[in-house]
Every structure is written in C-alpha cells, then in structure tokens.
C-alpha cells in the first residue's frame, strides 16, 4: 500500500508549479459611464474591440428607441420596429464579419449638447469604417448625423442611450441606419 501511494504521489507532480494559462479574453478599455460623454467613448471602444457586451452596455434596457434615416427606412422594413435585441444582433453580426487583425473605426464629432438634471440631448456627426473581408476591397464607410437622448440611471449612476434618431447629411452617403438594416438578423 505504501509503495502504491508513493508512486501515485510522485507521479502526479502535486507540488510542481505549472505554467500559467494566457487569459481567454483581452482586456477591455470600457469604463463606467459616469458622464454622458463616456457612453460615446465606450461605443468607440466596443467597435474597436468587436465587444458586443460592452456595446450593449451603452443602450438603455427599459426604454430604448431608434428612429432610422428616411432612405434606410424605405430599404429596410426591419428598422421600423427596432429594439435593444435587434441592436445587439446587428452589432454582433458586424463585429463577427470583420477580418482578423483589423478593427472597425468609429469617430464622433459633437454638433450640439443640451444638459438636464438626469438626461441630455447630444447631436453628433459620425463616421464608421468597416474593413472588407474581400482581398483588395475598400472599407465600407457610413456617415451621417445622429441625435441621442441619454438618461442617467439614478441607482447605478451610469448614463445610457434612451432615444436615437439617425439622419443623412449627404444623399450619396450610407448611414448608420443602412449599416443596421444590412446586418440585422
């Protein structure tokens, strides 16, 4: 019995240190949105990282509403009944289609901002560039202007997008609404 226990003890390397495993996920740049501007910074990070969970954290759970741009609404019927679930679905599809070792670029520029006690309205122009998976193809670019209504959750202290209206700046540009419509489940 002693011999069997001795063999088992020495053969399993019980006291030998092992090589640590690499983390299964990269760290995220997402930060708690204690200020409305951080919601947009977190959206940028979510696009860069292709992180659907962090993207969903920018959207209000209880009362999210999205109004698509006029032309996109005519092309994509799904945009007329948009909700947080569809918002998460389109983002997951976009992020999943980006070639390895590339990232989506999202840029904002603030046009106007109105602050209230527990909410704010912010108008921003945007540009989204999505790398193509086809060799030699140009990135697909979406441009427009969006009006965001954000609210601060009094319990968490974090800000979330409650209402979002998308507008065309130039009739030749594809908008964020077009992106959503073409990638919805």
C-alpha atoms as a PDB file:
ATOM      1  CA  UNK A   1       0.000   0.000   0.000  1.00  0.00           C
ATOM      2  CA  UNK A   2       2.830   2.394   0.894  1.00  0.00           C
ATOM      3  CA  UNK A   3       4.574   1.684  -2.397  1.00  0.00           C
ATOM      4  CA  UNK A   4       1.392   2.355  -4.421  1.00  0.00           C
ATOM      5  CA  UNK A   5       0.748   5.629  -2.587  1.00  0.00           C
ATOM      6  CA  UNK A   6       4.368   6.689  -3.074  1.00  0.00           C
ATOM      7  CA  UNK A   7       4.191   6.043  -6.832  1.00  0.00           C
ATOM      8  CA  UNK A   8       0.914   7.989  -7.137  1.00  0.00           C
ATOM      9  CA  UNK A   9       2.282  10.874  -5.069  1.00  0.00           C
ATOM     10  CA  UNK A  10       5.479  11.294  -7.098  1.00  0.00           C
ATOM     11  CA  UNK A  11       3.899  10.685 -10.494  1.00  0.00           C
ATOM     12  CA  UNK A  12       1.216  13.367 -10.285  1.00  0.00           C
ATOM     13  CA  UNK A  13       3.627  16.265  -9.611  1.00  0.00           C
ATOM     14  CA  UNK A  14       1.410  17.526  -6.837  1.00  0.00           C
ATOM     15  CA  UNK A  15       3.869  20.163  -5.651  1.00  0.00           C
ATOM     16  CA  UNK A  16       5.273  21.191  -9.021  1.00  0.00           C
ATOM     17  CA  UNK A  17       4.273  24.642 -10.289  1.00  0.00           C
ATOM     18  CA  UNK A  18       2.590  24.781 -13.664  1.00  0.00           C
ATOM     19  CA  UNK A  19       2.890  27.296 -16.452  1.00  0.00           C
ATOM     20  CA  UNK A  20       0.095  29.886 -16.140  1.00  0.00           C
ATOM     21  CA  UNK A  21      -2.536  29.982 -18.886  1.00  0.00           C
ATOM     22  CA  UNK A  22      -2.975  33.051 -21.028  1.00  0.00           C
ATOM     23  CA  UNK A  23      -6.226  34.944 -20.399  1.00  0.00           C
ATOM     24  CA  UNK A  24      -9.064  33.758 -22.638  1.00  0.00           C
ATOM     25  CA  UNK A  25     -10.126  37.315 -23.472  1.00  0.00           C
ATOM     26  CA  UNK A  26      -8.264  40.517 -23.989  1.00  0.00           C
ATOM     27  CA  UNK A  27      -8.789  43.311 -21.543  1.00  0.00           C
ATOM     28  CA  UNK A  28     -11.340  45.931 -22.426  1.00  0.00           C
ATOM     29  CA  UNK A  29     -10.998  49.688 -22.454  1.00  0.00           C
ATOM     30  CA  UNK A  30     -14.662  50.078 -21.437  1.00  0.00           C
ATOM     31  CA  UNK A  31     -15.125  52.358 -18.431  1.00  0.00           C
ATOM     32  CA  UNK A  32     -18.184  53.053 -16.250  1.00  0.00           C
ATOM     33  CA  UNK A  33     -20.220  55.763 -17.998  1.00  0.00           C
ATOM     34  CA  UNK A  34     -20.407  58.171 -15.071  1.00  0.00           C
ATOM     35  CA  UNK A  35     -20.560  61.021 -17.595  1.00  0.00           C
ATOM     36  CA  UNK A  36     -22.630  61.108 -20.806  1.00  0.00           C
ATOM     37  CA  UNK A  37     -19.507  61.611 -22.949  1.00  0.00           C
ATOM     38  CA  UNK A  38     -18.156  58.270 -21.736  1.00  0.00           C
ATOM     39  CA  UNK A  39     -21.086  56.471 -23.419  1.00  0.00           C
ATOM     40  CA  UNK A  40     -19.690  57.545 -26.787  1.00  0.00           C
ATOM     41  CA  UNK A  41     -16.129  56.682 -25.816  1.00  0.00           C
ATOM     42  CA  UNK A  42     -17.350  53.217 -24.795  1.00  0.00           C
ATOM     43  CA  UNK A  43     -19.100  52.835 -28.164  1.00  0.00           C
ATOM     44  CA  UNK A  44     -15.811  53.630 -29.896  1.00  0.00           C
ATOM     45  CA  UNK A  45     -14.003  51.047 -27.760  1.00  0.00           C
ATOM     46  CA  UNK A  46     -16.736  48.450 -28.363  1.00  0.00           C
ATOM     47  CA  UNK A  47     -16.372  48.885 -32.131  1.00  0.00           C
ATOM     48  CA  UNK A  48     -12.568  48.724 -31.971  1.00  0.00           C
ATOM     49  CA  UNK A  49     -12.683  45.582 -29.840  1.00  0.00           C
ATOM     50  CA  UNK A  50     -15.735  43.993 -31.502  1.00  0.00           C
ATOM     51  CA  UNK A  51     -17.178  43.644 -27.995  1.00  0.00           C
ATOM     52  CA  UNK A  52     -20.965  43.152 -28.179  1.00  0.00           C
ATOM     53  CA  UNK A  53     -21.362  43.018 -24.398  1.00  0.00           C
ATOM     54  CA  UNK A  54     -19.752  46.428 -23.920  1.00  0.00           C
ATOM     55  CA  UNK A  55     -21.738  47.851 -26.830  1.00  0.00           C
ATOM     56  CA  UNK A  56     -24.981  46.672 -25.204  1.00  0.00           C
ATOM     57  CA  UNK A  57     -23.956  48.465 -22.001  1.00  0.00           C
ATOM     58  CA  UNK A  58     -24.366  51.808 -23.807  1.00  0.00           C
ATOM     59  CA  UNK A  59     -28.067  51.154 -24.546  1.00  0.00           C
ATOM     60  CA  UNK A  60     -30.927  51.646 -22.065  1.00  0.00           C
ATOM     61  CA  UNK A  61     -32.559  48.344 -21.113  1.00  0.00           C
ATOM     62  CA  UNK A  62     -36.023  49.652 -20.389  1.00  0.00           C
ATOM     63  CA  UNK A  63     -36.906  52.287 -22.970  1.00  0.00           C
ATOM     64  CA  UNK A  64     -34.582  52.160 -25.976  1.00  0.00           C
ATOM     65  CA  UNK A  65     -35.995  53.647 -29.197  1.00  0.00           C
ATOM     66  CA  UNK A  66     -34.251  54.031 -32.557  1.00  0.00           C
ATOM     67  CA  UNK A  67     -35.536  56.096 -35.483  1.00  0.00           C
ATOM     68  CA  UNK A  68     -33.819  55.270 -38.765  1.00  0.00           C
ATOM     69  CA  UNK A  69     -32.909  57.702 -41.528  1.00  0.00           C
ATOM     70  CA  UNK A  70     -35.574  58.148 -44.205  1.00  0.00           C
ATOM     71  CA  UNK A  71     -33.913  56.327 -47.106  1.00  0.00           C
ATOM     72  CA  UNK A  72     -32.747  53.426 -44.973  1.00  0.00           C
ATOM     73  CA  UNK A  73     -36.238  53.013 -43.528  1.00  0.00           C
ATOM     74  CA  UNK A  74     -37.578  52.627 -47.078  1.00  0.00           C
ATOM     75  CA  UNK A  75     -34.958  49.954 -47.859  1.00  0.00           C
ATOM     76  CA  UNK A  76     -35.085  48.024 -44.585  1.00  0.00           C
ATOM     77  CA  UNK A  77     -38.543  47.373 -43.147  1.00  0.00           C
ATOM     78  CA  UNK A  78     -36.952  45.831 -40.021  1.00  0.00           C
ATOM     79  CA  UNK A  79     -35.831  49.282 -38.924  1.00  0.00           C
ATOM     80  CA  UNK A  80     -39.415  50.400 -38.248  1.00  0.00           C
ATOM     81  CA  UNK A  81     -39.693  48.107 -35.218  1.00  0.00           C
ATOM     82  CA  UNK A  82     -36.197  48.372 -33.759  1.00  0.00           C
ATOM     83  CA  UNK A  83     -35.363  47.355 -30.182  1.00  0.00           C
ATOM     84  CA  UNK A  84     -32.357  46.564 -27.997  1.00  0.00           C
ATOM     85  CA  UNK A  85     -32.318  42.925 -29.070  1.00  0.00           C
ATOM     86  CA  UNK A  86     -32.030  43.899 -32.746  1.00  0.00           C
ATOM     87  CA  UNK A  87     -29.405  46.482 -31.787  1.00  0.00           C
ATOM     88  CA  UNK A  88     -27.299  43.767 -30.150  1.00  0.00           C
ATOM     89  CA  UNK A  89     -27.892  41.389 -33.063  1.00  0.00           C
ATOM     90  CA  UNK A  90     -26.719  43.776 -35.758  1.00  0.00           C
ATOM     91  CA  UNK A  91     -23.614  44.684 -33.745  1.00  0.00           C
ATOM     92  CA  UNK A  92     -22.712  41.031 -33.205  1.00  0.00           C
ATOM     93  CA  UNK A  93     -23.069  40.387 -36.943  1.00  0.00           C
ATOM     94  CA  UNK A  94     -20.936  43.401 -37.874  1.00  0.00           C
ATOM     95  CA  UNK A  95     -18.203  42.558 -35.362  1.00  0.00           C
ATOM     96  CA  UNK A  96     -18.221  38.892 -36.400  1.00  0.00           C
ATOM     97  CA  UNK A  97     -17.659  39.770 -40.047  1.00  0.00           C
ATOM     98  CA  UNK A  98     -14.524  41.850 -39.555  1.00  0.00           C
ATOM     99  CA  UNK A  99     -11.322  40.172 -40.759  1.00  0.00           C
ATOM    100  CA  UNK A 100      -8.852  39.059 -38.114  1.00  0.00           C
ATOM    101  CA  UNK A 101      -6.229  41.651 -37.124  1.00  0.00           C
ATOM    102  CA  UNK A 102      -8.391  44.540 -38.336  1.00  0.00           C
ATOM    103  CA  UNK A 103     -10.791  46.757 -36.462  1.00  0.00           C
ATOM    104  CA  UNK A 104     -13.780  48.948 -37.079  1.00  0.00           C
ATOM    105  CA  UNK A 105     -13.249  52.682 -36.790  1.00  0.00           C
ATOM    106  CA  UNK A 106     -15.961  54.858 -35.247  1.00  0.00           C
ATOM    107  CA  UNK A 107     -15.482  58.609 -34.975  1.00  0.00           C
ATOM    108  CA  UNK A 108     -17.800  61.208 -33.466  1.00  0.00           C
ATOM    109  CA  UNK A 109     -17.873  64.974 -33.604  1.00  0.00           C
ATOM    110  CA  UNK A 110     -20.247  66.880 -31.320  1.00  0.00           C
ATOM    111  CA  UNK A 111     -22.548  69.376 -33.033  1.00  0.00           C
ATOM    112  CA  UNK A 112     -24.740  70.393 -30.076  1.00  0.00           C
ATOM    113  CA  UNK A 113     -25.387  69.361 -26.500  1.00  0.00           C
ATOM    114  CA  UNK A 114     -28.149  70.222 -24.023  1.00  0.00           C
ATOM    115  CA  UNK A 115     -27.877  69.010 -20.447  1.00  0.00           C
ATOM    116  CA  UNK A 116     -30.664  68.471 -17.933  1.00  0.00           C
ATOM    117  CA  UNK A 117     -30.549  67.130 -14.365  1.00  0.00           C
ATOM    118  CA  UNK A 118     -30.793  63.440 -15.222  1.00  0.00           C
ATOM    119  CA  UNK A 119     -30.729  63.427 -19.036  1.00  0.00           C
ATOM    120  CA  UNK A 120     -29.162  65.147 -22.006  1.00  0.00           C
ATOM    121  CA  UNK A 121     -29.578  65.532 -25.749  1.00  0.00           C
ATOM    122  CA  UNK A 122     -26.470  65.339 -27.870  1.00  0.00           C
ATOM    123  CA  UNK A 123     -26.226  65.757 -31.633  1.00  0.00           C
ATOM    124  CA  UNK A 124     -23.158  64.218 -33.231  1.00  0.00           C
ATOM    125  CA  UNK A 125     -21.860  63.610 -36.701  1.00  0.00           C
ATOM    126  CA  UNK A 126     -20.294  60.200 -37.143  1.00  0.00           C
ATOM    127  CA  UNK A 127     -18.151  58.143 -39.480  1.00  0.00           C
ATOM    128  CA  UNK A 128     -17.897  54.360 -39.309  1.00  0.00           C
ATOM    129  CA  UNK A 129     -15.341  52.466 -41.396  1.00  0.00           C
ATOM    130  CA  UNK A 130     -15.700  48.691 -41.622  1.00  0.00           C
ATOM    131  CA  UNK A 131     -12.805  46.734 -43.146  1.00  0.00           C
ATOM    132  CA  UNK A 132     -13.722  44.449 -46.022  1.00  0.00           C
ATOM    133  CA  UNK A 133     -13.049  40.727 -45.853  1.00  0.00           C
ATOM    134  CA  UNK A 134     -12.513  40.610 -49.634  1.00  0.00           C
ATOM    135  CA  UNK A 135      -8.888  40.950 -50.662  1.00  0.00           C
ATOM    136  CA  UNK A 136      -8.130  44.327 -52.220  1.00  0.00           C
ATOM    137  CA  UNK A 137     -11.559  45.766 -51.384  1.00  0.00           C
ATOM    138  CA  UNK A 138     -12.056  49.172 -49.813  1.00  0.00           C
ATOM    139  CA  UNK A 139     -13.523  49.557 -46.335  1.00  0.00           C
ATOM    140  CA  UNK A 140     -17.258  50.305 -46.260  1.00  0.00           C
ATOM    141  CA  UNK A 141     -17.896  53.787 -44.834  1.00  0.00           C
ATOM    142  CA  UNK A 142     -21.082  55.055 -43.187  1.00  0.00           C
ATOM    143  CA  UNK A 143     -21.622  58.745 -42.454  1.00  0.00           C
ATOM    144  CA  UNK A 144     -24.397  60.835 -41.005  1.00  0.00           C
ATOM    145  CA  UNK A 145     -25.676  62.726 -38.029  1.00  0.00           C
ATOM    146  CA  UNK A 146     -27.432  61.334 -35.006  1.00  0.00           C
ATOM    147  CA  UNK A 147     -29.424  62.865 -32.200  1.00  0.00           C
ATOM    148  CA  UNK A 148     -29.029  60.967 -28.941  1.00  0.00           C
ATOM    149  CA  UNK A 149     -31.174  61.314 -25.842  1.00  0.00           C
ATOM    150  CA  UNK A 150     -29.334  59.867 -22.868  1.00  0.00           C
ATOM    151  CA  UNK A 151     -30.533  59.267 -19.348  1.00  0.00           C
ATOM    152  CA  UNK A 152     -28.696  58.715 -16.097  1.00  0.00           C
ATOM    153  CA  UNK A 153     -29.773  55.733 -14.060  1.00  0.00           C
ATOM    154  CA  UNK A 154     -30.217  57.136 -10.518  1.00  0.00           C
ATOM    155  CA  UNK A 155     -29.346  53.806  -8.866  1.00  0.00           C
ATOM    156  CA  UNK A 156     -26.235  52.945 -10.869  1.00  0.00           C
ATOM    157  CA  UNK A 157     -25.144  56.488 -11.684  1.00  0.00           C
ATOM    158  CA  UNK A 158     -24.364  55.413 -15.265  1.00  0.00           C
ATOM    159  CA  UNK A 159     -25.585  57.008 -18.496  1.00  0.00           C
ATOM    160  CA  UNK A 160     -27.375  55.120 -21.298  1.00  0.00           C
ATOM    161  CA  UNK A 161     -28.781  55.908 -24.733  1.00  0.00           C
ATOM    162  CA  UNK A 162     -32.568  56.030 -24.483  1.00  0.00           C
ATOM    163  CA  UNK A 163     -33.536  57.514 -27.857  1.00  0.00           C
ATOM    164  CA  UNK A 164     -31.527  57.674 -31.044  1.00  0.00           C
ATOM    165  CA  UNK A 165     -32.505  59.349 -34.318  1.00  0.00           C
ATOM    166  CA  UNK A 166     -30.346  58.926 -37.401  1.00  0.00           C
ATOM    167  CA  UNK A 167     -30.139  61.458 -40.267  1.00  0.00           C
ATOM    168  CA  UNK A 168     -28.468  61.682 -43.652  1.00  0.00           C
ATOM    169  CA  UNK A 169     -26.011  64.509 -44.230  1.00  0.00           C
ATOM    170  CA  UNK A 170     -25.476  63.751 -47.917  1.00  0.00           C
ATOM    171  CA  UNK A 171     -27.866  61.779 -50.086  1.00  0.00           C
ATOM    172  CA  UNK A 172     -24.981  59.739 -51.513  1.00  0.00           C
ATOM    173  CA  UNK A 173     -23.769  58.506 -48.100  1.00  0.00           C
ATOM    174  CA  UNK A 174     -24.827  55.302 -46.404  1.00  0.00           C
ATOM    175  CA  UNK A 175     -25.909  55.997 -42.814  1.00  0.00           C
ATOM    176  CA  UNK A 176     -25.709  54.090 -39.562  1.00  0.00           C
ATOM    177  CA  UNK A 177     -29.298  53.040 -40.278  1.00  0.00           C
ATOM    178  CA  UNK A 178     -28.105  51.385 -43.501  1.00  0.00           C
ATOM    179  CA  UNK A 179     -25.458  49.546 -41.518  1.00  0.00           C
ATOM    180  CA  UNK A 180     -28.056  48.322 -39.018  1.00  0.00           C
ATOM    181  CA  UNK A 181     -30.502  47.321 -41.738  1.00  0.00           C
ATOM    182  CA  UNK A 182     -27.960  45.359 -43.724  1.00  0.00           C
ATOM    183  CA  UNK A 183     -26.622  43.450 -40.706  1.00  0.00           C
ATOM    184  CA  UNK A 184     -29.827  42.752 -38.757  1.00  0.00           C
ATOM    185  CA  UNK A 185     -30.621  39.085 -38.049  1.00  0.00           C
END
